[in-house]
Amino acid sequence: MIVPSIDILGGKAVQLRGGDPEALEVDAGDPLGVAERFSRAGPLAVIDLDAALGRGDNKAIIHELCRRFECRVGGGLRSVEAALDMLDTGAAQVILGTAARPEVLAELPRARVIAAVDARHDEVVVEGWTKKTGDGLLERVADLAPWVGGFLVTFVEREGQMQGTDLKRARAVVEAAAGRAVTVAGGISRPEEVGALDALGADAQLGMAIYTGRLRLADALWACLRTNADERVATVVCDEHGVALGLAWSDRESLHHALEHGEGAYFSRSRNELWVKGRSSGATQRLLRVHADCDRDALRFLVQQEQGFCHLRTRTCWGDDQGLYSLERTIAHRRAEAPKGSYTKRLFDEAGLLEAKLLEEAAELVEAAGAEQVAHEAADVLYFALVRMAREGVSLADVELELGRRSRRVRRRAGNRKDE
């Protein structure tokens, strides 16, 4: 649907006119701040312009972006080793331009590679869009389709101009891609174009239009949705773990407020107005991400929820939840409010007690026999691990992010014992 673009030059998020590094149109400052806002609407396309131009790189910033957000990364990735390094860093996918050749692509996981094909009036151009190749756009896409998971196609003559994209060519690219994902960039400036591309089966990569405010993220997303007769869409509200908290409704302006301010905002049918969750109750929400479902007739808000979501003061509208996430919140509450001498309080306060219990329970888990005993000892280990995490300000969401990054590694470590 929407792929906001973050082009990094000299450590800053920028927008260039026509890809010319001397034609700086927008200096948006800190890429992390830009990513915080844009990531609410979709995966990020992060392009290292310095690396692409051969004058340094922004690896430290990009590594941090990949650690915190879902990123497709490109710019200066000209070898198998460079692509693998970026994937192992945590990039969801890598974007390859001149390196998108079969001998390189064959060494990479196909689903995680996007081939960047830049074309000026249907002719593929390279070397910063300065050199014509004589190759046709559709022929290049068809040739690379067996080797990649998707394409980023830029209509160069429209890039940075905000004069509209070419939907006819976009349709032809989708057909030539033979089922591979297609993202289109270059000139997109109106919500209707984003909706039309989505209907064709292509995502819209947005740059200049959203940086300048000409195109609001909410309007771009809204254009892809199928609303009800009242111009609203059902919205499933979930916590950061994907656990459903309740059902709400969104309209265009509530979606804009949510994306712009990073908070849970919905349409209140009872009051017929914008409803910002927690404004009166204190049960606030920090918006992490908005997803549209496969049929484009429902949204999912991923939020960090303070207190309970339900007006009955339960965690969800189906009652309080259970399991590790509930235990995590209980431990945090007991740390703050438990009376002196309680066991959880002792674990936080008594030097060496928590460390000793972790080692003791881990050993008992190793020695446990049978499913019931293993479950019992594993529960002990998880409890003490959660206390250790809480003491350092680490959440289960942080652990899940780390596991997600590890799952994206291509080159695996041997995993031998550390004393070997």
Protein backbone atom coordinates (compact mmCIF):
# COMPACT_ATOMS: atom_id res chain seq x y z
CA MET A 1 0.00 0.00 0.00
CA ILE A 2 2.32 2.77 1.25
CA VAL A 3 6.11 2.73 1.57
CA PRO A 4 7.45 6.03 2.98
CA SER A 5 10.96 6.77 1.76
CA ILE A 6 13.85 7.98 3.90
CA ASP A 7 16.83 9.06 1.81
CA ILE A 8 19.88 9.73 3.97
CA LEU A 9 22.60 12.17 2.96
CA GLY A 10 25.22 13.37 5.41
CA GLY A 11 23.35 11.81 8.31
CA LYS A 12 20.10 13.63 7.52
CA ALA A 13 16.81 12.65 5.93
CA VAL A 14 16.55 14.56 2.66
CA GLN A 15 14.64 14.81 -0.56
CA LEU A 16 16.43 15.65 -3.80
CA ARG A 17 14.88 16.90 -7.00
CA GLY A 18 15.49 14.46 -9.83
CA GLY A 19 18.02 12.53 -7.74
CA ASP A 20 20.58 15.34 -8.05
CA PRO A 21 22.66 15.57 -4.83
CA GLU A 22 23.17 19.26 -5.56
CA ALA A 23 19.41 19.87 -5.82
CA LEU A 24 18.38 19.60 -2.16
CA GLU A 25 14.65 20.27 -1.83
CA VAL A 26 13.96 19.07 1.72
CA ASP A 27 16.20 18.70 4.77
CA ALA A 28 14.06 16.81 7.28
CA GLY A 29 16.80 16.40 9.88
CA ASP A 30 17.15 13.34 12.11
CA PRO A 31 16.18 10.17 10.19
CA LEU A 32 15.10 8.46 13.43
CA GLY A 33 12.54 11.15 14.13
CA VAL A 34 11.22 10.94 10.58
CA ALA A 35 11.07 7.14 10.83
CA GLU A 36 9.11 7.30 14.09
CA ARG A 37 6.32 9.14 12.31
CA PHE A 38 6.40 7.50 8.89
CA SER A 39 6.67 3.92 10.20
CA ARG A 40 3.14 4.19 11.58
CA ALA A 41 1.83 3.91 8.01
CA GLY A 42 3.99 1.21 6.43
CA PRO A 43 7.43 -0.33 5.98
CA LEU A 44 10.22 2.16 5.32
CA ALA A 45 12.41 2.39 2.24
CA VAL A 46 15.78 3.55 3.56
CA ILE A 47 18.29 4.68 0.93
CA ASP A 48 21.90 5.50 1.79
CA LEU A 49 22.64 8.22 -0.73
CA ASP A 50 26.23 8.70 0.46
CA ALA A 51 26.98 5.02 -0.13
CA ALA A 52 25.26 5.15 -3.51
CA LEU A 53 27.41 8.14 -4.46
CA GLY A 54 30.58 6.46 -3.21
CA ARG A 55 31.40 9.09 -0.63
CA GLY A 56 31.01 7.34 2.72
CA ASP A 57 27.99 5.76 4.30
CA ASN A 58 25.38 6.06 7.03
CA LYS A 59 25.60 2.51 8.36
CA ALA A 60 25.28 3.38 12.05
CA ILE A 61 22.02 5.26 11.46
CA ILE A 62 20.67 2.54 9.17
CA HIS A 63 21.52 -0.19 11.67
CA GLU A 64 19.54 1.66 14.32
CA LEU A 65 16.62 2.15 11.94
CA CYS A 66 16.60 -1.59 11.19
CA ARG A 67 16.72 -2.35 14.90
CA ARG A 68 13.59 -0.33 15.57
CA PHE A 69 11.54 -0.43 12.38
CA GLU A 70 10.67 -2.59 9.37
CA CYS A 71 13.07 -1.35 6.70
CA ARG A 72 13.88 -2.07 3.08
CA VAL A 73 17.44 -0.85 2.63
CA GLY A 74 19.27 0.23 -0.52
CA GLY A 75 22.11 2.43 -1.66
CA GLY A 76 25.63 1.23 -2.32
CA LEU A 77 24.88 -2.48 -1.97
CA ARG A 78 26.99 -3.71 -4.87
CA SER A 79 28.05 -7.19 -3.77
CA VAL A 80 26.71 -10.37 -2.20
CA GLU A 81 28.69 -9.66 0.96
CA ALA A 82 27.29 -6.13 1.32
CA ALA A 83 23.73 -7.39 0.85
CA LEU A 84 24.20 -10.20 3.36
CA ASP A 85 25.69 -7.80 5.90
CA MET A 86 22.61 -5.61 5.65
CA LEU A 87 20.21 -8.54 5.91
CA ASP A 88 22.06 -9.85 8.95
CA THR A 89 21.87 -6.38 10.49
CA GLY A 90 18.08 -6.69 10.45
CA ALA A 91 16.90 -5.25 7.14
CA ALA A 92 13.62 -6.86 6.14
CA GLN A 93 14.73 -6.68 2.51
CA VAL A 94 17.60 -5.22 0.51
CA ILE A 95 17.19 -3.10 -2.60
CA LEU A 96 19.77 -3.80 -5.30
CA GLY A 97 20.29 -1.65 -8.37
CA THR A 98 23.34 -2.27 -10.53
CA ALA A 99 24.09 -5.40 -8.48
CA ALA A 100 20.76 -6.96 -9.45
CA ARG A 101 22.36 -9.51 -11.76
CA PRO A 102 21.64 -13.24 -11.79
CA GLU A 103 25.12 -14.20 -10.57
CA VAL A 104 24.64 -11.98 -7.49
CA LEU A 105 20.96 -12.68 -6.92
CA ALA A 106 21.54 -16.44 -7.00
CA GLU A 107 23.55 -16.11 -3.77
CA LEU A 108 20.81 -14.28 -1.87
CA PRO A 109 17.41 -15.32 -0.40
CA ARG A 110 15.02 -14.43 -3.21
CA ALA A 111 12.11 -13.34 -1.01
CA ARG A 112 14.26 -10.73 0.69
CA VAL A 113 15.64 -9.04 -2.42
CA ILE A 114 14.05 -6.13 -4.27
CA ALA A 115 15.46 -5.19 -7.65
CA ALA A 116 15.52 -1.45 -8.26
CA VAL A 117 14.79 -0.70 -11.90
CA ASP A 118 15.03 2.97 -12.83
CA ALA A 119 13.65 4.03 -16.19
CA ARG A 120 13.42 7.26 -18.09
CA HIS A 121 10.66 7.06 -20.70
CA ASP A 122 10.75 3.23 -20.60
CA GLU A 123 14.53 2.97 -20.99
CA VAL A 124 16.54 1.63 -18.06
CA VAL A 125 19.10 4.13 -16.75
CA VAL A 126 21.97 3.55 -14.32
CA GLU A 127 24.82 5.40 -12.57
CA GLY A 128 22.63 7.89 -10.79
CA TRP A 129 20.21 8.01 -13.72
CA THR A 130 22.90 9.56 -15.93
CA LYS A 131 23.65 6.63 -18.25
CA LYS A 132 21.26 5.07 -20.73
CA THR A 133 21.46 1.30 -21.16
CA GLY A 134 19.32 0.73 -24.21
CA ASP A 135 17.34 -1.87 -22.24
CA GLY A 136 13.57 -1.68 -22.00
CA LEU A 137 11.88 -1.38 -18.62
CA LEU A 138 9.45 -4.27 -19.07
CA GLU A 139 12.11 -6.56 -20.53
CA ARG A 140 14.41 -5.91 -17.53
CA VAL A 141 11.58 -6.65 -15.09
CA ALA A 142 10.67 -9.88 -16.89
CA ASP A 143 14.31 -11.00 -16.98
CA LEU A 144 14.84 -10.45 -13.24
CA ALA A 145 11.48 -11.77 -12.03
CA PRO A 146 12.73 -15.36 -11.43
CA TRP A 147 15.52 -14.08 -9.18
CA VAL A 148 13.86 -11.59 -6.82
CA GLY A 149 10.96 -11.19 -4.43
CA GLY A 150 9.93 -7.79 -5.73
CA PHE A 151 10.68 -4.67 -7.70
CA LEU A 152 11.09 -1.00 -6.98
CA VAL A 153 10.39 0.77 -10.25
CA THR A 154 11.13 4.48 -10.46
CA PHE A 155 9.80 6.59 -13.30
CA VAL A 156 12.81 8.91 -13.30
CA GLU A 157 11.37 11.71 -15.39
CA ARG A 158 8.63 12.10 -12.76
CA GLU A 159 10.77 11.69 -9.61
CA GLY A 160 10.54 14.67 -7.27
CA GLN A 161 8.24 16.56 -9.64
CA MET A 162 4.93 15.74 -7.87
CA GLN A 163 3.14 15.84 -11.22
CA GLY A 164 1.55 12.42 -11.00
CA THR A 165 2.68 8.90 -11.84
CA ASP A 166 2.04 6.79 -14.94
CA LEU A 167 -0.67 4.27 -14.11
CA LYS A 168 -0.63 2.70 -17.57
CA ARG A 169 3.06 1.87 -17.24
CA ALA A 170 2.54 0.72 -13.66
CA ARG A 171 -0.05 -1.80 -14.85
CA ALA A 172 2.36 -3.11 -17.48
CA VAL A 173 5.11 -3.48 -14.85
CA VAL A 174 2.82 -5.46 -12.55
CA GLU A 175 2.02 -7.82 -15.43
CA ALA A 176 5.69 -8.19 -16.39
CA ALA A 177 6.64 -8.92 -12.76
CA ALA A 178 4.72 -12.21 -12.98
CA GLY A 179 3.44 -12.26 -9.41
CA ARG A 180 6.40 -10.57 -7.75
CA ALA A 181 5.64 -7.62 -5.51
CA VAL A 182 5.88 -4.22 -7.21
CA THR A 183 6.52 -0.84 -5.64
CA VAL A 184 6.23 2.26 -7.81
CA ALA A 185 8.03 5.55 -7.20
CA GLY A 186 8.18 8.80 -9.07
CA GLY A 187 5.73 11.67 -9.14
CA ILE A 188 3.01 10.25 -6.88
CA SER A 189 1.23 13.22 -5.35
CA ARG A 190 -2.49 12.45 -5.00
CA PRO A 191 -4.40 9.94 -2.82
CA GLU A 192 -6.28 8.70 -5.88
CA GLU A 193 -3.01 7.56 -7.43
CA VAL A 194 -2.11 5.56 -4.34
CA GLY A 195 -5.53 3.92 -4.39
CA ALA A 196 -5.27 3.17 -8.11
CA LEU A 197 -1.83 1.60 -7.67
CA ASP A 198 -3.13 -0.52 -4.81
CA ALA A 199 -5.99 -1.71 -6.99
CA LEU A 200 -3.41 -2.72 -9.62
CA GLY A 201 -1.51 -4.72 -7.00
CA ALA A 202 1.34 -2.26 -6.52
CA ASP A 203 2.59 -0.32 -3.50
CA ALA A 204 3.31 3.40 -3.68
CA GLN A 205 6.70 4.64 -2.47
CA LEU A 206 6.16 8.16 -1.19
CA GLY A 207 8.82 10.79 -0.83
CA MET A 208 8.59 14.46 -1.78
CA ALA A 209 4.79 14.60 -1.51
CA ILE A 210 4.67 13.54 2.15
CA TYR A 211 7.72 15.56 3.19
CA THR A 212 6.23 18.75 1.79
CA GLY A 213 2.76 18.02 3.19
CA ARG A 214 1.12 17.93 -0.20
CA LEU A 215 -0.01 14.36 0.48
CA ARG A 216 -1.09 13.29 3.94
CA LEU A 217 -0.28 9.73 4.95
CA ALA A 218 -3.82 9.23 6.17
CA ASP A 219 -5.31 10.34 2.84
CA ALA A 220 -2.98 8.00 0.97
CA LEU A 221 -3.93 5.06 3.17
CA TRP A 222 -7.62 5.97 3.15
CA ALA A 223 -7.70 5.93 -0.64
CA CYS A 224 -6.93 2.20 -0.56
CA LEU A 225 -9.76 1.28 1.82
CA ARG A 226 -13.30 0.05 1.25
CA THR A 227 -15.44 1.98 3.71
CA ASN A 228 -19.03 1.40 4.80
CA ALA A 229 -21.97 3.60 3.82
CA ASP A 230 -21.02 6.09 6.55
CA GLU A 231 -17.45 6.44 5.21
CA ARG A 232 -15.99 4.59 8.17
CA VAL A 233 -13.99 1.42 8.60
CA ALA A 234 -13.91 -1.11 11.44
CA THR A 235 -10.68 -0.94 13.43
CA VAL A 236 -9.33 -3.79 15.54
CA VAL A 237 -7.18 -2.35 18.32
CA CYS A 238 -4.30 -4.62 19.40
CA ASP A 239 -1.40 -4.25 21.79
CA GLU A 240 2.20 -4.45 20.61
CA HIS A 241 2.06 -8.26 20.81
CA GLY A 242 -0.94 -8.45 18.49
CA VAL A 243 -3.43 -9.30 21.27
CA ALA A 244 -6.83 -7.79 20.49
CA LEU A 245 -7.95 -5.19 23.02
CA GLY A 246 -11.24 -4.20 21.42
CA LEU A 247 -13.09 -2.91 18.37
CA ALA A 248 -13.36 0.73 17.32
CA TRP A 249 -14.19 2.72 14.19
CA SER A 250 -12.10 5.06 12.09
CA ASP A 251 -12.93 7.82 9.65
CA ARG A 252 -10.52 9.81 7.51
CA GLU A 253 -9.87 12.54 10.07
CA SER A 254 -9.46 10.21 13.05
CA LEU A 255 -6.91 8.25 10.99
CA HIS A 256 -5.09 11.47 10.19
CA HIS A 257 -4.99 12.45 13.87
CA ALA A 258 -3.70 9.01 14.85
CA LEU A 259 -0.92 8.97 12.25
CA GLU A 260 0.08 12.58 12.76
CA HIS A 261 0.15 12.55 16.57
CA GLY A 262 1.06 8.93 17.20
CA GLU A 263 -1.83 8.18 19.52
CA GLY A 264 -4.95 6.04 19.46
CA ALA A 265 -7.65 8.16 17.86
CA TYR A 266 -10.98 6.88 16.54
CA PHE A 267 -14.46 7.97 15.49
CA SER A 268 -16.91 7.86 18.39
CA ARG A 269 -20.29 6.70 17.10
CA SER A 270 -21.98 7.55 20.40
CA ARG A 271 -20.71 11.14 20.40
CA ASN A 272 -20.39 11.50 16.61
CA GLU A 273 -16.95 13.06 16.92
CA LEU A 274 -13.22 12.40 17.15
CA TRP A 275 -12.32 10.29 20.19
CA VAL A 276 -8.76 10.25 21.45
CA LYS A 277 -8.36 7.23 23.69
CA GLY A 278 -7.37 8.05 27.25
CA ARG A 279 -7.75 11.82 27.04
CA SER A 280 -10.19 11.78 29.96
CA SER A 281 -9.56 8.35 31.51
CA GLY A 282 -5.77 8.27 31.42
CA ALA A 283 -5.83 4.97 29.51
CA THR A 284 -3.73 6.45 26.71
CA GLN A 285 -2.33 4.71 23.66
CA ARG A 286 0.89 5.20 21.73
CA LEU A 287 0.30 4.26 18.11
CA LEU A 288 2.95 1.95 16.66
CA ARG A 289 1.54 0.88 13.30
CA VAL A 290 -1.61 0.85 11.20
CA HIS A 291 -2.30 -2.14 8.97
CA ALA A 292 -5.07 -2.69 6.44
CA ASP A 293 -6.43 -6.20 6.06
CA CYS A 294 -6.28 -8.21 2.84
CA ASP A 295 -9.73 -7.05 1.68
CA ARG A 296 -9.02 -3.40 2.56
CA ASP A 297 -12.23 -3.15 4.62
CA ALA A 298 -10.74 -3.24 8.12
CA LEU A 299 -7.79 -1.70 9.94
CA ARG A 300 -5.59 -2.96 12.74
CA PHE A 301 -4.01 -0.47 15.13
CA LEU A 302 -0.97 -1.73 17.02
CA VAL A 303 -0.65 0.35 20.18
CA GLN A 304 1.11 0.51 23.51
CA GLN A 305 -1.78 0.64 25.95
CA GLU A 306 -1.59 2.35 29.34
CA GLN A 307 -3.95 0.88 31.94
CA GLY A 308 -6.92 -1.14 30.69
CA PHE A 309 -8.49 -0.62 27.28
CA CYS A 310 -12.08 -1.39 28.27
CA HIS A 311 -14.36 1.10 30.03
CA LEU A 312 -14.90 -1.65 32.62
CA ARG A 313 -11.21 -1.20 33.50
CA THR A 314 -10.17 -4.61 32.18
CA ARG A 315 -7.20 -5.07 29.87
CA THR A 316 -9.42 -6.03 26.91
CA CYS A 317 -13.11 -5.80 26.07
CA TRP A 318 -13.25 -9.57 26.64
CA GLY A 319 -11.84 -9.35 30.15
CA ASP A 320 -8.32 -9.43 31.56
CA ASP A 321 -5.75 -11.42 29.64
CA GLN A 322 -3.41 -14.05 31.07
CA GLY A 323 0.00 -15.51 30.34
CA LEU A 324 3.43 -13.93 30.08
CA TYR A 325 2.23 -10.46 29.14
CA SER A 326 -0.09 -10.34 32.15
CA LEU A 327 2.72 -11.58 34.40
CA GLU A 328 5.04 -8.92 33.00
CA ARG A 329 2.59 -6.18 33.96
CA THR A 330 2.05 -7.73 37.40
CA ILE A 331 5.78 -7.75 38.09
CA ALA A 332 6.08 -4.10 37.05
CA HIS A 333 3.16 -3.19 39.32
CA ARG A 334 4.59 -5.10 42.28
CA ARG A 335 7.96 -3.48 41.84
CA ALA A 336 6.35 -0.08 42.18
CA GLU A 337 3.76 -0.81 44.87
CA ALA A 338 4.53 -4.10 46.63
CA PRO A 339 5.08 -3.82 50.40
CA LYS A 340 8.57 -4.20 51.73
CA GLY A 341 9.42 -7.84 52.29
CA SER A 342 7.27 -9.26 49.49
CA TYR A 343 9.12 -11.84 47.40
CA THR A 344 9.13 -9.86 44.15
CA LYS A 345 10.28 -6.79 46.07
CA ARG A 346 13.09 -8.84 47.63
CA LEU A 347 14.22 -9.99 44.20
CA PHE A 348 14.57 -6.38 43.12
CA ASP A 349 16.20 -5.15 46.32
CA GLU A 350 18.39 -7.92 47.76
CA ALA A 351 21.82 -8.06 46.19
CA GLY A 352 22.58 -11.41 44.57
CA LEU A 353 19.21 -13.06 45.29
CA LEU A 354 17.81 -12.81 41.76
CA GLU A 355 21.06 -13.96 40.15
CA ALA A 356 21.23 -16.99 42.45
CA LYS A 357 17.61 -17.96 41.76
CA LEU A 358 18.06 -17.66 38.00
CA LEU A 359 21.04 -20.01 38.04
CA GLU A 360 19.27 -22.41 40.41
CA GLU A 361 16.06 -22.58 38.36
CA ALA A 362 17.93 -22.90 35.05
CA ALA A 363 19.81 -25.90 36.45
CA GLU A 364 16.53 -27.46 37.62
CA LEU A 365 15.06 -26.99 34.14
CA VAL A 366 18.07 -28.76 32.63
CA GLU A 367 17.54 -31.70 34.98
CA ALA A 368 13.74 -31.85 34.68
CA ALA A 369 12.21 -35.06 33.33
CA GLY A 370 8.82 -35.37 31.68
CA ALA A 371 6.49 -32.75 30.22
CA GLU A 372 4.86 -31.73 33.50
CA GLN A 373 8.12 -31.17 35.35
CA VAL A 374 9.67 -29.34 32.39
CA ALA A 375 6.64 -27.01 32.23
CA HIS A 376 6.89 -26.38 35.98
CA GLU A 377 10.60 -25.54 35.91
CA ALA A 378 10.29 -23.50 32.72
CA ALA A 379 7.60 -21.39 34.41
CA ASP A 380 10.05 -20.66 37.25
CA VAL A 381 12.80 -19.67 34.83
CA LEU A 382 10.46 -17.39 32.90
CA TYR A 383 9.28 -15.67 36.08
CA PHE A 384 12.79 -14.90 37.26
CA ALA A 385 13.82 -13.88 33.74
CA LEU A 386 10.94 -11.40 33.64
CA VAL A 387 12.05 -9.93 36.95
CA ARG A 388 15.59 -9.58 35.61
CA MET A 389 14.25 -7.88 32.49
CA ALA A 390 12.07 -5.51 34.52
CA ARG A 391 15.03 -4.51 36.64
CA GLU A 392 16.84 -3.37 33.50
CA GLY A 393 13.79 -1.81 31.83
CA VAL A 394 13.56 -4.53 29.17
CA SER A 395 10.11 -5.59 27.98
CA LEU A 396 8.84 -8.71 26.28
CA ALA A 397 8.29 -6.52 23.22
CA ASP A 398 12.02 -5.75 23.24
CA VAL A 399 12.80 -9.46 23.39
CA GLU A 400 10.39 -10.16 20.54
CA LEU A 401 12.11 -7.50 18.44
CA GLU A 402 15.48 -9.12 19.13
CA LEU A 403 14.15 -12.55 18.17
CA GLY A 404 12.68 -11.05 15.01
CA ARG A 405 16.06 -9.58 14.08
CA ARG A 406 17.74 -12.93 14.66
CA SER A 407 15.18 -14.69 12.50
CA ARG A 408 16.17 -12.38 9.63
CA ARG A 409 19.81 -13.38 9.75
CA VAL A 410 20.93 -15.21 6.64
CA ARG A 411 24.34 -16.37 7.82
CA ARG A 412 23.91 -18.46 10.96
CA ARG A 413 26.36 -18.90 13.80
CA ALA A 414 27.48 -22.43 14.62
CA GLY A 415 25.86 -22.31 18.06
CA ASN A 416 28.55 -24.36 19.77
CA ARG A 417 29.13 -24.31 23.51
CA LYS A 418 31.09 -21.24 24.56
CA ASP A 419 33.72 -23.35 26.31
CA GLU A 420 34.54 -25.25 23.11
